[in-house]
Amino acid sequence: MTELLSLQNVHVQRSGQVVLSVDSLSIEQGQRMVVVGPNGSGKSTLLLTLARLLHPSAGRILWRGEDLARVPALVYRRQIGLVLQDALLLDTSVYENVALGLRFRGVSERQVRQRVDAWLERLGVLALRQRPAHRLSGGEAQRVSLARALALEPQLLLLDEPFSALDAPTRLRLQEDLQSLLQEMALTVVMVTHDLSEALLLAQRMAVMMNGRIVQVGSATEVLGAPVSPQVAEFVGVETVLPGVVEGEQDGVLLVRCADHVLEVVGQVESGRPVYVCLRPEDVTLWPAAMKPPSSSARNWLEATVTRLLPQGPLVRVTLSGADVPLVALVTRASAAGLALQPGVRVRASFKASAAHVIRR
């Protein structure tokens, strides 16, 4: 694929402090890159820098291989679309809001009508074309904001947490509709969000930001399955992070001592190396304490005591303690009821060697 945009040693300052420091980041033509990270990690600063609303104090941004600083701002901005958290619509009709940018670009009125109506229809708000923007719901306003950006046929679409202010059902419908649209289009997208489920739905590649830096880039599977640090692991939903030491290797898996237990984990780390063993809660299976371990691919079995139950929709988050190896499991409500889980109940917990991920300390 052709590289559309890249950042090289880019630093951005605010009030004399460096708030963004990106050593390297490349975005290819037609790629959907989602930047995730906790609040305050620098995601929006990165997006505003890509929109040329903030300017680097050092480093280079390349646009199609050319230094962006040498590209006239108007030329560049006419090739991008920007959608922010707030729709920021003008106090006029839906149609006029979408048409305005096209008229600025000198598009004929016939083409304006065609493109505006086409995008309003694709985003499900054509029936609202004459409605005043101030009478739209939050979801309707963001659909109009997306139509306004996409009608310009940008080379690059920048999305700054566009669904964060919406209620959950509206947000999900809009996410699914946008995913379908983007799959049909060869459009390059950079989106920032702190919502992992949103990132997983829309991303082809994912970049993780922490403290103004890009700390990991890869596919969603790579980032969630192999986080590079305990901080990234925690952010992407790894709730069990156990310090340990590699004692050796057996049958192709590592033997890692965590407290009084030796766990079997897939990985490649030299013997004697301190590590963290990371485990997602959905990869932990619970069994009755009296049950003998069944014949299965799970190579790790631990006895534990339930200390807390926290319902999460159709699932239950179960916190376990025992033998100095705390675990967190995620089970269905039916499983929780079948095991009669409550604080103080003893259980067996199991997980596969391939389910755990090792990070060098």
Protein backbone atom coordinates (compact mmCIF):
# COMPACT_ATOMS: atom_id res chain seq x y z
CA MET A 1 0.00 0.00 0.00
CA THR A 2 1.06 3.63 -0.59
CA GLU A 3 1.94 5.76 2.42
CA LEU A 4 -0.36 8.77 2.64
CA LEU A 5 0.79 10.37 5.87
CA SER A 6 3.70 9.91 8.25
CA LEU A 7 5.06 11.60 11.35
CA GLN A 8 8.78 11.73 12.10
CA ASN A 9 10.04 12.94 15.50
CA VAL A 10 7.05 15.25 15.90
CA HIS A 11 6.81 17.32 19.10
CA VAL A 12 3.95 19.64 20.01
CA GLN A 13 4.12 22.10 22.90
CA ARG A 14 1.39 23.85 24.85
CA SER A 15 2.22 26.49 27.45
CA GLY A 16 5.89 25.63 27.08
CA GLN A 17 5.33 21.93 27.87
CA VAL A 18 5.73 19.07 25.37
CA VAL A 19 2.30 17.43 25.20
CA LEU A 20 2.89 15.25 22.13
CA SER A 21 6.04 13.36 21.19
CA VAL A 22 5.72 10.91 18.29
CA ASP A 23 8.90 9.26 17.09
CA SER A 24 7.30 7.56 14.11
CA LEU A 25 3.81 6.84 12.80
CA SER A 26 2.82 5.89 9.25
CA ILE A 27 -0.69 5.79 7.81
CA GLU A 28 -1.23 4.09 4.47
CA GLN A 29 -3.66 5.06 1.71
CA GLY A 30 -7.07 3.52 2.37
CA GLN A 31 -6.19 2.44 5.91
CA ARG A 32 -8.39 2.90 8.96
CA MET A 33 -6.13 3.79 11.88
CA VAL A 34 -7.73 4.10 15.31
CA VAL A 35 -5.69 5.78 18.06
CA VAL A 36 -6.69 4.67 21.55
CA GLY A 37 -5.58 5.68 25.00
CA PRO A 38 -6.87 6.99 28.31
CA ASN A 39 -8.19 10.53 28.69
CA GLY A 40 -5.38 13.06 28.62
CA SER A 41 -2.99 10.79 26.72
CA GLY A 42 -2.66 13.19 23.76
CA LYS A 43 -5.08 11.64 21.26
CA SER A 44 -6.95 14.83 20.41
CA THR A 45 -3.69 16.78 20.27
CA LEU A 46 -2.46 14.31 17.67
CA LEU A 47 -5.62 14.66 15.61
CA LEU A 48 -5.59 18.48 15.74
CA THR A 49 -1.95 18.38 14.66
CA LEU A 50 -2.87 16.20 11.68
CA ALA A 51 -5.62 18.73 10.86
CA ARG A 52 -3.00 21.54 10.99
CA LEU A 53 -4.91 23.28 13.76
CA LEU A 54 -1.86 22.77 15.98
CA HIS A 55 1.69 23.11 14.71
CA PRO A 56 4.70 20.96 15.71
CA SER A 57 7.60 22.66 17.48
CA ALA A 58 9.90 20.02 16.01
CA GLY A 59 9.86 17.14 13.53
CA ARG A 60 8.14 16.60 10.20
CA ILE A 61 4.76 15.47 8.95
CA LEU A 62 4.88 14.10 5.41
CA TRP A 63 1.83 14.21 3.13
CA ARG A 64 2.31 11.91 0.13
CA GLY A 65 6.03 12.13 0.80
CA GLU A 66 6.14 15.94 0.87
CA ASP A 67 6.85 17.97 4.00
CA LEU A 68 3.44 19.23 5.10
CA ALA A 69 4.97 22.53 6.18
CA ARG A 70 5.56 23.27 2.48
CA VAL A 71 2.00 22.45 1.43
CA PRO A 72 -0.31 25.52 1.48
CA ALA A 73 -2.75 25.17 4.37
CA LEU A 74 -5.81 25.68 2.14
CA VAL A 75 -4.63 23.05 -0.35
CA TYR A 76 -4.20 20.52 2.45
CA ARG A 77 -7.42 21.33 4.30
CA ARG A 78 -9.40 20.85 1.11
CA GLN A 79 -8.21 17.25 1.09
CA ILE A 80 -9.29 16.39 4.63
CA GLY A 81 -12.57 16.06 6.49
CA LEU A 82 -12.80 16.68 10.23
CA VAL A 83 -15.55 15.50 12.59
CA LEU A 84 -15.30 16.52 16.26
CA GLN A 85 -17.04 15.37 19.43
CA ASP A 86 -19.59 18.17 19.05
CA ALA A 87 -21.28 18.41 15.66
CA LEU A 88 -20.80 22.25 15.52
CA LEU A 89 -23.57 22.76 12.98
CA LEU A 90 -24.58 26.20 11.78
CA ASP A 91 -27.97 27.61 12.74
CA THR A 92 -29.54 26.79 9.39
CA SER A 93 -31.10 23.74 7.72
CA VAL A 94 -29.53 20.31 7.50
CA TYR A 95 -29.22 20.71 3.73
CA GLU A 96 -27.44 24.07 3.99
CA ASN A 97 -25.01 22.71 6.58
CA VAL A 98 -23.86 19.96 4.24
CA ALA A 99 -23.89 22.17 1.15
CA LEU A 100 -21.77 24.97 2.59
CA GLY A 101 -18.36 23.34 2.21
CA LEU A 102 -19.14 22.28 -1.35
CA ARG A 103 -20.08 25.84 -2.28
CA PHE A 104 -16.81 27.11 -0.79
CA ARG A 105 -15.04 24.76 -3.18
CA GLY A 106 -16.92 26.12 -6.18
CA VAL A 107 -19.03 23.04 -6.85
CA SER A 108 -21.99 23.71 -9.15
CA GLU A 109 -25.45 23.86 -7.56
CA ARG A 110 -26.56 20.78 -9.51
CA GLN A 111 -23.65 18.78 -8.12
CA VAL A 112 -24.22 20.25 -4.65
CA ARG A 113 -27.80 18.94 -4.68
CA GLN A 114 -26.72 15.52 -5.90
CA ARG A 115 -23.92 15.09 -3.39
CA VAL A 116 -25.77 16.52 -0.41
CA ASP A 117 -28.85 14.36 -0.98
CA ALA A 118 -26.75 11.28 -1.70
CA TRP A 119 -24.84 11.55 1.58
CA LEU A 120 -27.88 12.49 3.64
CA GLU A 121 -29.56 9.37 2.28
CA ARG A 122 -26.55 7.12 2.94
CA LEU A 123 -26.45 8.35 6.53
CA GLY A 124 -30.19 7.94 7.01
CA VAL A 125 -31.16 11.59 7.46
CA LEU A 126 -32.47 12.59 4.01
CA ALA A 127 -35.95 13.10 5.46
CA LEU A 128 -34.46 15.79 7.72
CA ARG A 129 -32.89 17.85 4.91
CA GLN A 130 -35.03 20.95 5.60
CA ARG A 131 -35.08 20.64 9.39
CA PRO A 132 -33.24 23.38 11.34
CA ALA A 133 -30.02 21.98 12.75
CA HIS A 134 -30.87 23.13 16.29
CA ARG A 135 -33.86 20.77 16.29
CA LEU A 136 -31.78 17.63 15.71
CA SER A 137 -31.04 14.99 18.31
CA GLY A 138 -27.40 14.26 19.17
CA GLY A 139 -27.29 11.21 16.90
CA GLU A 140 -28.96 13.06 14.02
CA ALA A 141 -26.55 15.97 14.38
CA GLN A 142 -23.51 13.67 14.19
CA ARG A 143 -24.94 11.95 11.11
CA VAL A 144 -25.25 15.36 9.48
CA SER A 145 -21.73 16.24 10.58
CA LEU A 146 -20.44 13.04 8.96
CA ALA A 147 -22.43 13.76 5.80
CA ARG A 148 -20.92 17.26 5.68
CA ALA A 149 -17.39 15.82 5.88
CA LEU A 150 -17.93 12.92 3.47
CA ALA A 151 -19.72 15.04 0.85
CA LEU A 152 -16.40 16.85 0.35
CA GLU A 153 -14.88 13.53 -0.81
CA PRO A 154 -11.78 13.96 1.36
CA GLN A 155 -8.57 12.01 0.95
CA LEU A 156 -8.27 11.81 4.73
CA LEU A 157 -11.09 11.69 7.29
CA LEU A 158 -10.21 12.71 10.86
CA LEU A 159 -12.60 11.67 13.63
CA ASP A 160 -12.21 12.98 17.18
CA GLU A 161 -14.36 10.75 19.42
CA PRO A 162 -17.46 11.60 17.35
CA PHE A 163 -19.76 9.27 19.30
CA SER A 164 -18.68 9.98 22.88
CA ALA A 165 -21.59 12.29 23.72
CA LEU A 166 -24.29 9.91 22.44
CA ASP A 167 -26.39 7.44 24.41
CA ALA A 168 -25.39 3.79 24.07
CA PRO A 169 -28.08 2.60 21.57
CA THR A 170 -27.60 5.65 19.32
CA ARG A 171 -23.82 5.28 19.50
CA LEU A 172 -23.94 1.61 18.51
CA ARG A 173 -26.24 2.23 15.52
CA LEU A 174 -24.04 5.05 14.26
CA GLN A 175 -20.87 3.00 14.75
CA GLU A 176 -22.31 0.11 12.77
CA ASP A 177 -23.53 2.40 9.97
CA LEU A 178 -20.13 4.10 9.76
CA GLN A 179 -18.35 0.75 9.69
CA SER A 180 -20.48 -0.34 6.72
CA LEU A 181 -19.78 2.92 4.89
CA LEU A 182 -16.04 2.81 5.47
CA GLN A 183 -15.83 -0.80 4.32
CA GLU A 184 -17.34 0.29 1.00
CA MET A 185 -14.95 3.22 0.52
CA ALA A 186 -11.22 3.41 -0.16
CA LEU A 187 -10.96 6.22 2.37
CA THR A 188 -8.06 6.83 4.74
CA VAL A 189 -9.33 7.38 8.28
CA VAL A 190 -7.63 8.41 11.51
CA MET A 191 -9.94 8.20 14.49
CA VAL A 192 -9.20 8.76 18.16
CA THR A 193 -11.21 7.21 20.98
CA HIS A 194 -10.87 5.85 24.49
CA ASP A 195 -13.59 3.27 23.77
CA LEU A 196 -11.98 -0.09 22.95
CA SER A 197 -15.18 -1.66 21.60
CA GLU A 198 -15.47 1.23 19.16
CA ALA A 199 -11.84 0.80 18.12
CA LEU A 200 -12.29 -2.93 17.56
CA LEU A 201 -15.31 -2.30 15.35
CA LEU A 202 -13.66 0.27 13.09
CA ALA A 203 -9.89 -0.26 13.16
CA GLN A 204 -7.69 -1.99 10.62
CA ARG A 205 -4.69 -0.88 12.65
CA MET A 206 -4.53 0.42 16.19
CA ALA A 207 -2.10 2.78 17.87
CA VAL A 208 -1.96 3.09 21.66
CA MET A 209 -1.07 6.44 23.23
CA MET A 210 0.21 6.95 26.76
CA ASN A 211 1.45 10.27 28.15
CA GLY A 212 1.69 11.92 24.75
CA ARG A 213 3.60 9.05 23.11
CA ILE A 214 2.71 6.25 20.72
CA VAL A 215 3.73 3.15 22.69
CA GLN A 216 2.37 0.37 20.46
CA VAL A 217 1.08 0.02 16.90
CA GLY A 218 -0.37 -3.12 15.37
CA SER A 219 -3.55 -4.93 14.46
CA ALA A 220 -6.28 -5.02 17.07
CA THR A 221 -5.49 -8.69 17.68
CA GLU A 222 -1.81 -7.91 18.28
CA VAL A 223 -2.50 -5.02 20.65
CA LEU A 224 -5.11 -6.87 22.71
CA GLY A 225 -3.28 -10.20 22.69
CA ALA A 226 0.29 -9.00 23.11
CA PRO A 227 0.46 -5.65 24.94
CA VAL A 228 4.00 -4.31 25.26
CA SER A 229 3.75 -3.07 28.86
CA PRO A 230 1.66 -3.53 32.01
CA GLN A 231 0.15 -0.07 31.40
CA VAL A 232 -1.02 -1.01 27.90
CA ALA A 233 -2.21 -4.38 29.20
CA GLU A 234 -4.35 -2.68 31.83
CA PHE A 235 -5.84 -0.26 29.29
CA VAL A 236 -6.80 -3.00 26.81
CA GLY A 237 -8.60 -5.05 29.46
CA VAL A 238 -5.94 -7.38 30.85
CA GLU A 239 -7.01 -7.56 34.49
CA THR A 240 -4.54 -10.15 35.75
CA VAL A 241 -0.88 -9.05 35.65
CA LEU A 242 1.34 -11.34 37.73
CA PRO A 243 5.04 -10.73 38.40
CA GLY A 244 7.15 -13.83 37.98
CA VAL A 245 10.49 -15.29 36.87
CA VAL A 246 11.10 -17.67 33.98
CA GLU A 247 12.48 -20.93 35.38
CA GLY A 248 12.93 -22.74 32.09
CA GLU A 249 11.08 -24.39 29.22
CA GLN A 250 9.21 -27.67 28.89
CA ASP A 251 7.31 -29.15 25.95
CA GLY A 252 7.61 -25.88 24.04
CA VAL A 253 6.19 -23.62 26.77
CA LEU A 254 7.78 -21.42 29.40
CA LEU A 255 7.70 -22.35 33.06
CA VAL A 256 7.14 -19.14 35.01
CA ARG A 257 7.20 -19.05 38.80
CA CYS A 258 4.59 -16.67 40.22
CA ALA A 259 4.66 -16.76 44.02
CA ASP A 260 4.23 -20.43 44.99
CA HIS A 261 2.98 -21.57 41.57
CA VAL A 262 4.71 -22.50 38.34
CA LEU A 263 2.59 -21.46 35.38
CA GLU A 264 2.93 -22.75 31.83
CA VAL A 265 2.89 -19.91 29.31
CA VAL A 266 3.59 -19.70 25.59
CA GLY A 267 6.45 -17.30 24.87
CA GLN A 268 10.11 -16.85 24.11
CA VAL A 269 12.02 -15.47 27.09
CA GLU A 270 15.38 -16.58 28.45
CA SER A 271 15.55 -18.51 31.71
CA GLY A 272 16.05 -16.38 34.82
CA ARG A 273 14.37 -13.31 33.28
CA PRO A 274 11.81 -11.42 35.43
CA VAL A 275 8.50 -11.12 33.57
CA TYR A 276 4.85 -10.25 33.93
CA VAL A 277 2.24 -12.88 33.04
CA CYS A 278 -0.81 -11.15 31.58
CA LEU A 279 -4.22 -12.80 31.34
CA ARG A 280 -7.54 -11.51 30.06
CA PRO A 281 -10.57 -12.31 32.29
CA GLU A 282 -12.52 -14.01 29.49
CA ASP A 283 -9.69 -16.57 29.18
CA VAL A 284 -10.13 -17.82 32.76
CA THR A 285 -12.53 -20.76 33.22
CA LEU A 286 -14.05 -21.58 36.62
CA TRP A 287 -14.92 -25.05 37.93
CA PRO A 288 -16.33 -26.46 41.19
CA ALA A 289 -13.59 -26.81 43.80
CA ALA A 290 -14.30 -30.53 44.27
CA MET A 291 -14.08 -31.33 40.57
CA LYS A 292 -11.01 -33.13 39.27
CA PRO A 293 -9.37 -31.26 36.38
CA PRO A 294 -10.95 -32.63 33.20
CA SER A 295 -8.86 -33.67 30.22
CA SER A 296 -8.49 -30.44 28.24
CA SER A 297 -5.96 -28.12 26.66
CA ALA A 298 -5.88 -25.94 29.79
CA ARG A 299 -2.46 -26.52 31.37
CA ASN A 300 -2.83 -24.20 34.36
CA TRP A 301 -5.06 -25.03 37.33
CA LEU A 302 -5.29 -23.00 40.52
CA GLU A 303 -7.51 -23.18 43.58
CA ALA A 304 -8.97 -19.84 44.61
CA THR A 305 -11.65 -18.13 46.68
CA VAL A 306 -14.27 -15.78 45.26
CA THR A 307 -13.86 -12.35 46.86
CA ARG A 308 -16.16 -10.21 44.73
CA LEU A 309 -18.86 -10.44 42.06
CA LEU A 310 -19.67 -7.54 39.75
CA PRO A 311 -22.47 -7.91 37.17
CA GLN A 312 -21.57 -6.50 33.74
CA GLY A 313 -24.60 -6.84 31.48
CA PRO A 314 -25.03 -10.52 30.57
CA LEU A 315 -21.69 -11.36 32.22
CA VAL A 316 -20.30 -11.39 35.75
CA ARG A 317 -16.81 -10.22 36.68
CA VAL A 318 -15.41 -12.51 39.37
CA THR A 319 -12.44 -11.47 41.50
CA LEU A 320 -10.50 -14.39 42.97
CA SER A 321 -7.75 -14.67 45.54
CA GLY A 322 -5.73 -17.51 46.92
CA ALA A 323 -2.23 -18.92 46.99
CA ASP A 324 -0.76 -15.45 46.28
CA VAL A 325 -1.99 -15.55 42.67
CA PRO A 326 -4.96 -13.15 42.33
CA LEU A 327 -7.11 -13.68 39.24
CA VAL A 328 -10.07 -12.03 37.55
CA ALA A 329 -12.53 -14.10 35.52
CA LEU A 330 -15.45 -13.13 33.30
CA VAL A 331 -18.28 -15.68 33.19
CA THR A 332 -21.88 -15.76 32.03
CA ARG A 333 -24.67 -15.20 34.53
CA ALA A 334 -25.77 -18.80 33.91
CA SER A 335 -22.29 -20.09 34.80
CA ALA A 336 -22.18 -17.93 37.92
CA ALA A 337 -25.54 -19.30 39.02
CA GLY A 338 -24.58 -22.90 38.17
CA LEU A 339 -21.42 -22.63 40.27
CA ALA A 340 -23.36 -20.87 43.07
CA LEU A 341 -20.71 -18.17 43.09
CA GLN A 342 -20.65 -15.77 46.01
CA PRO A 343 -17.89 -14.30 48.19
CA GLY A 344 -16.14 -17.02 50.14
CA VAL A 345 -16.90 -19.87 47.70
CA ARG A 346 -13.90 -21.99 46.73
CA VAL A 347 -13.41 -22.78 43.02
CA ARG A 348 -10.81 -24.07 40.60
CA ALA A 349 -9.61 -21.68 37.92
CA SER A 350 -7.98 -22.82 34.69
CA PHE A 351 -6.45 -21.20 31.63
CA LYS A 352 -4.50 -22.31 28.58
CA ALA A 353 -0.78 -21.68 28.18
CA SER A 354 -1.57 -19.90 24.89
CA ALA A 355 -4.08 -17.57 26.59
CA ALA A 356 -1.41 -15.85 28.69
CA HIS A 357 1.05 -13.29 27.40
CA VAL A 358 4.52 -12.64 28.81
CA ILE A 359 6.06 -9.16 29.10
CA ARG A 360 9.70 -8.77 30.07
CA ARG A 361 10.21 -6.73 33.23
